[in-house]
ModelCIF file with pLDDT and N, C-alpha, C, O atoms, coordinates in Angstrom:
data_MODEL
#
_entry.id   MODEL 
#
_entity.id                         1 
_entity.type                       polymer 
_entity.pdbx_number_of_molecules   1 
#
_entity_poly.entity_id                      1 
_entity_poly.type                           'polypeptide(L)' 
_entity_poly.nstd_linkage                   no 
_entity_poly.nstd_monomer                   no 
_entity_poly.pdbx_seq_one_letter_code       QESIAEKALQFLILTAARTGEVLGARWSEINLAEKIW 
_entity_poly.pdbx_seq_one_letter_code_can   QESIAEKALQFLILTAARTGEVLGARWSEINLAEKIW 
_entity_poly.pdbx_strand_id                 A 
#
loop_
_entity_poly_seq.entity_id 
_entity_poly_seq.num 
_entity_poly_seq.mon_id 
_entity_poly_seq.hetero 
1 1  GLN n 
1 2  GLU n 
1 3  SER n 
1 4  ILE n 
1 5  ALA n 
1 6  GLU n 
1 7  LYS n 
1 8  ALA n 
1 9  LEU n 
1 10 GLN n 
1 11 PHE n 
1 12 LEU n 
1 13 ILE n 
1 14 LEU n 
1 15 THR n 
1 16 ALA n 
1 17 ALA n 
1 18 ARG n 
1 19 THR n 
1 20 GLY n 
1 21 GLU n 
1 22 VAL n 
1 23 LEU n 
1 24 GLY n 
1 25 ALA n 
1 26 ARG n 
1 27 TRP n 
1 28 SER n 
1 29 GLU n 
1 30 ILE n 
1 31 ASN n 
1 32 LEU n 
1 33 ALA n 
1 34 GLU n 
1 35 LYS n 
1 36 ILE n 
1 37 TRP n 
#
_struct_asym.id          A 
_struct_asym.entity_id   1 
#
loop_
_ma_qa_metric.id 
_ma_qa_metric.mode 
_ma_qa_metric.name 
_ma_qa_metric.software_group_id 
_ma_qa_metric.type 
1 global pLDDT . pLDDT 
2 local  pLDDT . pLDDT 
#
_ma_qa_metric_global.metric_id      1 
_ma_qa_metric_global.metric_value   91.59 
_ma_qa_metric_global.model_id       1 
_ma_qa_metric_global.ordinal_id     1 
#
loop_
_ma_qa_metric_local.label_asym_id 
_ma_qa_metric_local.label_comp_id 
_ma_qa_metric_local.label_seq_id 
_ma_qa_metric_local.metric_id 
_ma_qa_metric_local.metric_value 
_ma_qa_metric_local.model_id 
_ma_qa_metric_local.ordinal_id 
A GLN 1  2 70.00 1 1  
A GLU 2  2 77.00 1 2  
A SER 3  2 81.00 1 3  
A ILE 4  2 85.00 1 4  
A ALA 5  2 86.00 1 5  
A GLU 6  2 89.00 1 6  
A LYS 7  2 89.00 1 7  
A ALA 8  2 91.00 1 8  
A LEU 9  2 91.00 1 9  
A GLN 10 2 93.00 1 10 
A PHE 11 2 94.00 1 11 
A LEU 12 2 95.00 1 12 
A ILE 13 2 94.00 1 13 
A LEU 14 2 95.00 1 14 
A THR 15 2 96.00 1 15 
A ALA 16 2 92.00 1 16 
A ALA 17 2 92.00 1 17 
A ARG 18 2 91.00 1 18 
A THR 19 2 92.00 1 19 
A GLY 20 2 91.00 1 20 
A GLU 21 2 92.00 1 21 
A VAL 22 2 94.00 1 22 
A LEU 23 2 93.00 1 23 
A GLY 24 2 92.00 1 24 
A ALA 25 2 93.00 1 25 
A ARG 26 2 94.00 1 26 
A TRP 27 2 93.00 1 27 
A SER 28 2 94.00 1 28 
A GLU 29 2 96.00 1 29 
A ILE 30 2 95.00 1 30 
A ASN 31 2 95.00 1 31 
A LEU 32 2 92.00 1 32 
A ALA 33 2 94.00 1 33 
A GLU 34 2 97.00 1 34 
A LYS 35 2 97.00 1 35 
A ILE 36 2 97.00 1 36 
A TRP 37 2 97.00 1 37 
#
loop_
_atom_site.group_PDB 
_atom_site.id 
_atom_site.type_symbol 
_atom_site.label_atom_id 
_atom_site.label_alt_id 
_atom_site.label_comp_id 
_atom_site.label_asym_id 
_atom_site.label_entity_id 
_atom_site.label_seq_id 
_atom_site.pdbx_PDB_ins_code 
_atom_site.Cartn_x 
_atom_site.Cartn_y 
_atom_site.Cartn_z 
_atom_site.occupancy 
_atom_site.B_iso_or_equiv 
_atom_site.pdbx_formal_charge 
_atom_site.auth_seq_id 
_atom_site.auth_comp_id 
_atom_site.auth_asym_id 
_atom_site.auth_atom_id 
_atom_site.pdbx_PDB_model_num 
ATOM 1   N N  . GLN A 1 1  ? -39.057 39.300 5.836   1.00 70.00 ? 1  GLN A N  1 
ATOM 2   C CA . GLN A 1 1  ? -39.694 39.533 4.535   1.00 70.00 ? 1  GLN A CA 1 
ATOM 3   C C  . GLN A 1 1  ? -39.937 38.201 3.828   1.00 70.00 ? 1  GLN A C  1 
ATOM 4   O O  . GLN A 1 1  ? -39.237 37.221 4.084   1.00 70.00 ? 1  GLN A O  1 
ATOM 5   N N  . GLU A 1 2  ? -40.896 38.168 2.968   1.00 77.00 ? 2  GLU A N  1 
ATOM 6   C CA . GLU A 1 2  ? -41.221 36.941 2.247   1.00 77.00 ? 2  GLU A CA 1 
ATOM 7   C C  . GLU A 1 2  ? -41.076 37.097 0.731   1.00 77.00 ? 2  GLU A C  1 
ATOM 8   O O  . GLU A 1 2  ? -41.556 36.251 -0.023  1.00 77.00 ? 2  GLU A O  1 
ATOM 9   N N  . SER A 1 3  ? -40.428 38.154 0.285   1.00 81.00 ? 3  SER A N  1 
ATOM 10  C CA . SER A 1 3  ? -40.314 38.348 -1.165  1.00 81.00 ? 3  SER A CA 1 
ATOM 11  C C  . SER A 1 3  ? -39.070 37.650 -1.708  1.00 81.00 ? 3  SER A C  1 
ATOM 12  O O  . SER A 1 3  ? -38.122 37.368 -0.975  1.00 81.00 ? 3  SER A O  1 
ATOM 13  N N  . ILE A 1 4  ? -39.099 37.383 -2.995  1.00 85.00 ? 4  ILE A N  1 
ATOM 14  C CA . ILE A 1 4  ? -37.971 36.747 -3.663  1.00 85.00 ? 4  ILE A CA 1 
ATOM 15  C C  . ILE A 1 4  ? -36.745 37.648 -3.610  1.00 85.00 ? 4  ILE A C  1 
ATOM 16  O O  . ILE A 1 4  ? -35.627 37.156 -3.456  1.00 85.00 ? 4  ILE A O  1 
ATOM 17  N N  . ALA A 1 5  ? -36.933 38.947 -3.735  1.00 86.00 ? 5  ALA A N  1 
ATOM 18  C CA . ALA A 1 5  ? -35.806 39.887 -3.702  1.00 86.00 ? 5  ALA A CA 1 
ATOM 19  C C  . ALA A 1 5  ? -35.063 39.813 -2.374  1.00 86.00 ? 5  ALA A C  1 
ATOM 20  O O  . ALA A 1 5  ? -33.833 39.804 -2.354  1.00 86.00 ? 5  ALA A O  1 
ATOM 21  N N  . GLU A 1 6  ? -35.790 39.761 -1.276  1.00 89.00 ? 6  GLU A N  1 
ATOM 22  C CA . GLU A 1 6  ? -35.149 39.668 0.038   1.00 89.00 ? 6  GLU A CA 1 
ATOM 23  C C  . GLU A 1 6  ? -34.420 38.337 0.214   1.00 89.00 ? 6  GLU A C  1 
ATOM 24  O O  . GLU A 1 6  ? -33.336 38.288 0.796   1.00 89.00 ? 6  GLU A O  1 
ATOM 25  N N  . LYS A 1 7  ? -35.014 37.268 -0.287  1.00 89.00 ? 7  LYS A N  1 
ATOM 26  C CA . LYS A 1 7  ? -34.358 35.956 -0.213  1.00 89.00 ? 7  LYS A CA 1 
ATOM 27  C C  . LYS A 1 7  ? -33.076 35.962 -1.034  1.00 89.00 ? 7  LYS A C  1 
ATOM 28  O O  . LYS A 1 7  ? -32.059 35.415 -0.607  1.00 89.00 ? 7  LYS A O  1 
ATOM 29  N N  . ALA A 1 8  ? -33.121 36.583 -2.215  1.00 91.00 ? 8  ALA A N  1 
ATOM 30  C CA . ALA A 1 8  ? -31.933 36.666 -3.068  1.00 91.00 ? 8  ALA A CA 1 
ATOM 31  C C  . ALA A 1 8  ? -30.836 37.471 -2.385  1.00 91.00 ? 8  ALA A C  1 
ATOM 32  O O  . ALA A 1 8  ? -29.664 37.100 -2.446  1.00 91.00 ? 8  ALA A O  1 
ATOM 33  N N  . LEU A 1 9  ? -31.206 38.566 -1.738  1.00 91.00 ? 9  LEU A N  1 
ATOM 34  C CA . LEU A 1 9  ? -30.223 39.382 -1.035  1.00 91.00 ? 9  LEU A CA 1 
ATOM 35  C C  . LEU A 1 9  ? -29.608 38.619 0.137   1.00 91.00 ? 9  LEU A C  1 
ATOM 36  O O  . LEU A 1 9  ? -28.400 38.695 0.361   1.00 91.00 ? 9  LEU A O  1 
ATOM 37  N N  . GLN A 1 10 ? -30.420 37.895 0.871   1.00 93.00 ? 10 GLN A N  1 
ATOM 38  C CA . GLN A 1 10 ? -29.891 37.070 1.963   1.00 93.00 ? 10 GLN A CA 1 
ATOM 39  C C  . GLN A 1 10 ? -28.904 36.040 1.418   1.00 93.00 ? 10 GLN A C  1 
ATOM 40  O O  . GLN A 1 10 ? -27.828 35.849 1.984   1.00 93.00 ? 10 GLN A O  1 
ATOM 41  N N  . PHE A 1 11 ? -29.268 35.380 0.322   1.00 94.00 ? 11 PHE A N  1 
ATOM 42  C CA . PHE A 1 11 ? -28.403 34.361 -0.284  1.00 94.00 ? 11 PHE A CA 1 
ATOM 43  C C  . PHE A 1 11 ? -27.097 34.990 -0.755  1.00 94.00 ? 11 PHE A C  1 
ATOM 44  O O  . PHE A 1 11 ? -26.027 34.407 -0.579  1.00 94.00 ? 11 PHE A O  1 
ATOM 45  N N  . LEU A 1 12 ? -27.179 36.163 -1.346  1.00 95.00 ? 12 LEU A N  1 
ATOM 46  C CA . LEU A 1 12 ? -25.994 36.892 -1.792  1.00 95.00 ? 12 LEU A CA 1 
ATOM 47  C C  . LEU A 1 12 ? -25.063 37.171 -0.611  1.00 95.00 ? 12 LEU A C  1 
ATOM 48  O O  . LEU A 1 12 ? -23.856 36.945 -0.704  1.00 95.00 ? 12 LEU A O  1 
ATOM 49  N N  . ILE A 1 13 ? -25.610 37.655 0.479   1.00 94.00 ? 13 ILE A N  1 
ATOM 50  C CA . ILE A 1 13 ? -24.815 37.962 1.671   1.00 94.00 ? 13 ILE A CA 1 
ATOM 51  C C  . ILE A 1 13 ? -24.170 36.694 2.229   1.00 94.00 ? 13 ILE A C  1 
ATOM 52  O O  . ILE A 1 13 ? -22.990 36.701 2.579   1.00 94.00 ? 13 ILE A O  1 
ATOM 53  N N  . LEU A 1 14 ? -24.926 35.628 2.311   1.00 95.00 ? 14 LEU A N  1 
ATOM 54  C CA . LEU A 1 14 ? -24.424 34.387 2.902   1.00 95.00 ? 14 LEU A CA 1 
ATOM 55  C C  . LEU A 1 14 ? -23.357 33.704 2.051   1.00 95.00 ? 14 LEU A C  1 
ATOM 56  O O  . LEU A 1 14 ? -22.500 33.000 2.585   1.00 95.00 ? 14 LEU A O  1 
ATOM 57  N N  . THR A 1 15 ? -23.399 33.902 0.742   1.00 96.00 ? 15 THR A N  1 
ATOM 58  C CA . THR A 1 15 ? -22.441 33.233 -0.144  1.00 96.00 ? 15 THR A CA 1 
ATOM 59  C C  . THR A 1 15 ? -21.329 34.160 -0.614  1.00 96.00 ? 15 THR A C  1 
ATOM 60  O O  . THR A 1 15 ? -20.358 33.704 -1.218  1.00 96.00 ? 15 THR A O  1 
ATOM 61  N N  . ALA A 1 16 ? -21.459 35.463 -0.341  1.00 92.00 ? 16 ALA A N  1 
ATOM 62  C CA . ALA A 1 16 ? -20.478 36.460 -0.800  1.00 92.00 ? 16 ALA A CA 1 
ATOM 63  C C  . ALA A 1 16 ? -20.308 36.404 -2.319  1.00 92.00 ? 16 ALA A C  1 
ATOM 64  O O  . ALA A 1 16 ? -19.223 36.657 -2.842  1.00 92.00 ? 16 ALA A O  1 
ATOM 65  N N  . ALA A 1 17 ? -21.379 36.073 -3.011  1.00 92.00 ? 17 ALA A N  1 
ATOM 66  C CA . ALA A 1 17 ? -21.357 35.999 -4.472  1.00 92.00 ? 17 ALA A CA 1 
ATOM 67  C C  . ALA A 1 17 ? -21.706 37.365 -5.064  1.00 92.00 ? 17 ALA A C  1 
ATOM 68  O O  . ALA A 1 17 ? -22.176 38.261 -4.363  1.00 92.00 ? 17 ALA A O  1 
ATOM 69  N N  . ARG A 1 18 ? -21.471 37.499 -6.347  1.00 91.00 ? 18 ARG A N  1 
ATOM 70  C CA . ARG A 1 18 ? -21.846 38.723 -7.057  1.00 91.00 ? 18 ARG A CA 1 
ATOM 71  C C  . ARG A 1 18 ? -23.337 38.673 -7.396  1.00 91.00 ? 18 ARG A C  1 
ATOM 72  O O  . ARG A 1 18 ? -23.933 37.601 -7.503  1.00 91.00 ? 18 ARG A O  1 
ATOM 73  N N  . THR A 1 19 ? -23.911 39.843 -7.558  1.00 92.00 ? 19 THR A N  1 
ATOM 74  C CA . THR A 1 19 ? -25.345 39.936 -7.850  1.00 92.00 ? 19 THR A CA 1 
ATOM 75  C C  . THR A 1 19 ? -25.724 39.122 -9.087  1.00 92.00 ? 19 THR A C  1 
ATOM 76  O O  . THR A 1 19 ? -26.701 38.373 -9.062  1.00 92.00 ? 19 THR A O  1 
ATOM 77  N N  . GLY A 1 20 ? -24.964 39.264 -10.155 1.00 91.00 ? 20 GLY A N  1 
ATOM 78  C CA . GLY A 1 20 ? -25.264 38.546 -11.403 1.00 91.00 ? 20 GLY A CA 1 
ATOM 79  C C  . GLY A 1 20 ? -25.205 37.038 -11.238 1.00 91.00 ? 20 GLY A C  1 
ATOM 80  O O  . GLY A 1 20 ? -25.979 36.310 -11.858 1.00 91.00 ? 20 GLY A O  1 
ATOM 81  N N  . GLU A 1 21 ? -24.290 36.572 -10.407 1.00 92.00 ? 21 GLU A N  1 
ATOM 82  C CA . GLU A 1 21 ? -24.183 35.131 -10.156 1.00 92.00 ? 21 GLU A CA 1 
ATOM 83  C C  . GLU A 1 21 ? -25.422 34.623 -9.438  1.00 92.00 ? 21 GLU A C  1 
ATOM 84  O O  . GLU A 1 21 ? -25.954 33.565 -9.773  1.00 92.00 ? 21 GLU A O  1 
ATOM 85  N N  . VAL A 1 22 ? -25.876 35.377 -8.454  1.00 94.00 ? 22 VAL A N  1 
ATOM 86  C CA . VAL A 1 22 ? -27.066 34.974 -7.689  1.00 94.00 ? 22 VAL A CA 1 
ATOM 87  C C  . VAL A 1 22 ? -28.310 35.036 -8.568  1.00 94.00 ? 22 VAL A C  1 
ATOM 88  O O  . VAL A 1 22 ? -29.110 34.101 -8.590  1.00 94.00 ? 22 VAL A O  1 
ATOM 89  N N  . LEU A 1 23 ? -28.467 36.131 -9.287  1.00 93.00 ? 23 LEU A N  1 
ATOM 90  C CA . LEU A 1 23 ? -29.659 36.274 -10.134 1.00 93.00 ? 23 LEU A CA 1 
ATOM 91  C C  . LEU A 1 23 ? -29.682 35.263 -11.270 1.00 93.00 ? 23 LEU A C  1 
ATOM 92  O O  . LEU A 1 23 ? -30.756 34.888 -11.741 1.00 93.00 ? 23 LEU A O  1 
ATOM 93  N N  . GLY A 1 24 ? -28.520 34.820 -11.713 1.00 92.00 ? 24 GLY A N  1 
ATOM 94  C CA . GLY A 1 24 ? -28.440 33.857 -12.810 1.00 92.00 ? 24 GLY A CA 1 
ATOM 95  C C  . GLY A 1 24 ? -28.349 32.415 -12.360 1.00 92.00 ? 24 GLY A C  1 
ATOM 96  O O  . GLY A 1 24 ? -28.224 31.514 -13.190 1.00 92.00 ? 24 GLY A O  1 
ATOM 97  N N  . ALA A 1 25 ? -28.409 32.181 -11.057 1.00 93.00 ? 25 ALA A N  1 
ATOM 98  C CA . ALA A 1 25 ? -28.269 30.813 -10.535 1.00 93.00 ? 25 ALA A CA 1 
ATOM 99  C C  . ALA A 1 25 ? -29.356 29.895 -11.080 1.00 93.00 ? 25 ALA A C  1 
ATOM 100 O O  . ALA A 1 25 ? -30.509 30.296 -11.246 1.00 93.00 ? 25 ALA A O  1 
ATOM 101 N N  . ARG A 1 26 ? -28.964 28.666 -11.352 1.00 94.00 ? 26 ARG A N  1 
ATOM 102 C CA . ARG A 1 26 ? -29.879 27.632 -11.846 1.00 94.00 ? 26 ARG A CA 1 
ATOM 103 C C  . ARG A 1 26 ? -29.861 26.462 -10.879 1.00 94.00 ? 26 ARG A C  1 
ATOM 104 O O  . ARG A 1 26 ? -28.843 26.185 -10.245 1.00 94.00 ? 26 ARG A O  1 
ATOM 105 N N  . TRP A 1 27 ? -30.979 25.783 -10.771 1.00 93.00 ? 27 TRP A N  1 
ATOM 106 C CA . TRP A 1 27 ? -31.055 24.636 -9.860  1.00 93.00 ? 27 TRP A CA 1 
ATOM 107 C C  . TRP A 1 27 ? -30.043 23.570 -10.243 1.00 93.00 ? 27 TRP A C  1 
ATOM 108 O O  . TRP A 1 27 ? -29.558 22.849 -9.370  1.00 93.00 ? 27 TRP A O  1 
ATOM 109 N N  . SER A 1 28 ? -29.716 23.452 -11.502 1.00 94.00 ? 28 SER A N  1 
ATOM 110 C CA . SER A 1 28 ? -28.752 22.441 -11.951 1.00 94.00 ? 28 SER A CA 1 
ATOM 111 C C  . SER A 1 28 ? -27.347 22.712 -11.412 1.00 94.00 ? 28 SER A C  1 
ATOM 112 O O  . SER A 1 28 ? -26.509 21.811 -11.420 1.00 94.00 ? 28 SER A O  1 
ATOM 113 N N  . GLU A 1 29 ? -27.074 23.923 -10.949 1.00 96.00 ? 29 GLU A N  1 
ATOM 114 C CA . GLU A 1 29 ? -25.763 24.288 -10.405 1.00 96.00 ? 29 GLU A CA 1 
ATOM 115 C C  . GLU A 1 29 ? -25.639 23.947 -8.920  1.00 96.00 ? 29 GLU A C  1 
ATOM 116 O O  . GLU A 1 29 ? -24.540 23.962 -8.366  1.00 96.00 ? 29 GLU A O  1 
ATOM 117 N N  . ILE A 1 30 ? -26.750 23.644 -8.289  1.00 95.00 ? 30 ILE A N  1 
ATOM 118 C CA . ILE A 1 30 ? -26.778 23.484 -6.829  1.00 95.00 ? 30 ILE A CA 1 
ATOM 119 C C  . ILE A 1 30 ? -26.896 22.009 -6.466  1.00 95.00 ? 30 ILE A C  1 
ATOM 120 O O  . ILE A 1 30 ? -27.779 21.298 -6.945  1.00 95.00 ? 30 ILE A O  1 
ATOM 121 N N  . ASN A 1 31 ? -25.987 21.574 -5.611  1.00 95.00 ? 31 ASN A N  1 
ATOM 122 C CA . ASN A 1 31 ? -26.014 20.207 -5.106  1.00 95.00 ? 31 ASN A CA 1 
ATOM 123 C C  . ASN A 1 31 ? -26.340 20.292 -3.617  1.00 95.00 ? 31 ASN A C  1 
ATOM 124 O O  . ASN A 1 31 ? -25.464 20.556 -2.795  1.00 95.00 ? 31 ASN A O  1 
ATOM 125 N N  . LEU A 1 32 ? -27.599 20.068 -3.284  1.00 92.00 ? 32 LEU A N  1 
ATOM 126 C CA . LEU A 1 32 ? -28.037 20.173 -1.893  1.00 92.00 ? 32 LEU A CA 1 
ATOM 127 C C  . LEU A 1 32 ? -27.394 19.105 -1.015  1.00 92.00 ? 32 LEU A C  1 
ATOM 128 O O  . LEU A 1 32 ? -27.070 19.366 0.143   1.00 92.00 ? 32 LEU A O  1 
ATOM 129 N N  . ALA A 1 33 ? -27.212 17.916 -1.554  1.00 94.00 ? 33 ALA A N  1 
ATOM 130 C CA . ALA A 1 33 ? -26.633 16.825 -0.766  1.00 94.00 ? 33 ALA A CA 1 
ATOM 131 C C  . ALA A 1 33 ? -25.188 17.132 -0.361  1.00 94.00 ? 33 ALA A C  1 
ATOM 132 O O  . ALA A 1 33 ? -24.782 16.852 0.767   1.00 94.00 ? 33 ALA A O  1 
ATOM 133 N N  . GLU A 1 34 ? -24.418 17.707 -1.286  1.00 97.00 ? 34 GLU A N  1 
ATOM 134 C CA . GLU A 1 34 ? -23.018 18.035 -0.993  1.00 97.00 ? 34 GLU A CA 1 
ATOM 135 C C  . GLU A 1 34 ? -22.842 19.449 -0.449  1.00 97.00 ? 34 GLU A C  1 
ATOM 136 O O  . GLU A 1 34 ? -21.740 19.841 -0.066  1.00 97.00 ? 34 GLU A O  1 
ATOM 137 N N  . LYS A 1 35 ? -23.932 20.210 -0.417  1.00 97.00 ? 35 LYS A N  1 
ATOM 138 C CA . LYS A 1 35 ? -23.925 21.591 0.089   1.00 97.00 ? 35 LYS A CA 1 
ATOM 139 C C  . LYS A 1 35 ? -22.943 22.465 -0.690  1.00 97.00 ? 35 LYS A C  1 
ATOM 140 O O  . LYS A 1 35 ? -22.158 23.216 -0.110  1.00 97.00 ? 35 LYS A O  1 
ATOM 141 N N  . ILE A 1 36 ? -23.009 22.348 -2.023  1.00 97.00 ? 36 ILE A N  1 
ATOM 142 C CA . ILE A 1 36 ? -22.115 23.103 -2.910  1.00 97.00 ? 36 ILE A CA 1 
ATOM 143 C C  . ILE A 1 36 ? -22.917 23.716 -4.048  1.00 97.00 ? 36 ILE A C  1 
ATOM 144 O O  . ILE A 1 36 ? -23.801 23.079 -4.622  1.00 97.00 ? 36 ILE A O  1 
ATOM 145 N N  . TRP A 1 37 ? -22.595 24.954 -4.360  1.00 97.00 ? 37 TRP A N  1 
ATOM 146 C CA . TRP A 1 37 ? -23.138 25.636 -5.535  1.00 97.00 ? 37 TRP A CA 1 
ATOM 147 C C  . TRP A 1 37 ? -21.960 25.813 -6.490  1.00 97.00 ? 37 TRP A C  1 
ATOM 148 O O  . TRP A 1 37 ? -22.126 26.366 -7.578  1.00 97.00 ? 37 TRP A O  1 
#
């Protein structure tokens, strides 16, 4: 799938985060270099 909803669900599954945490995620919270949210 190519929708944002499917990507969000995949991210939720991979991180074991709560729905609200995933939906409320901000780019400022994510450090790609250190691989940490």
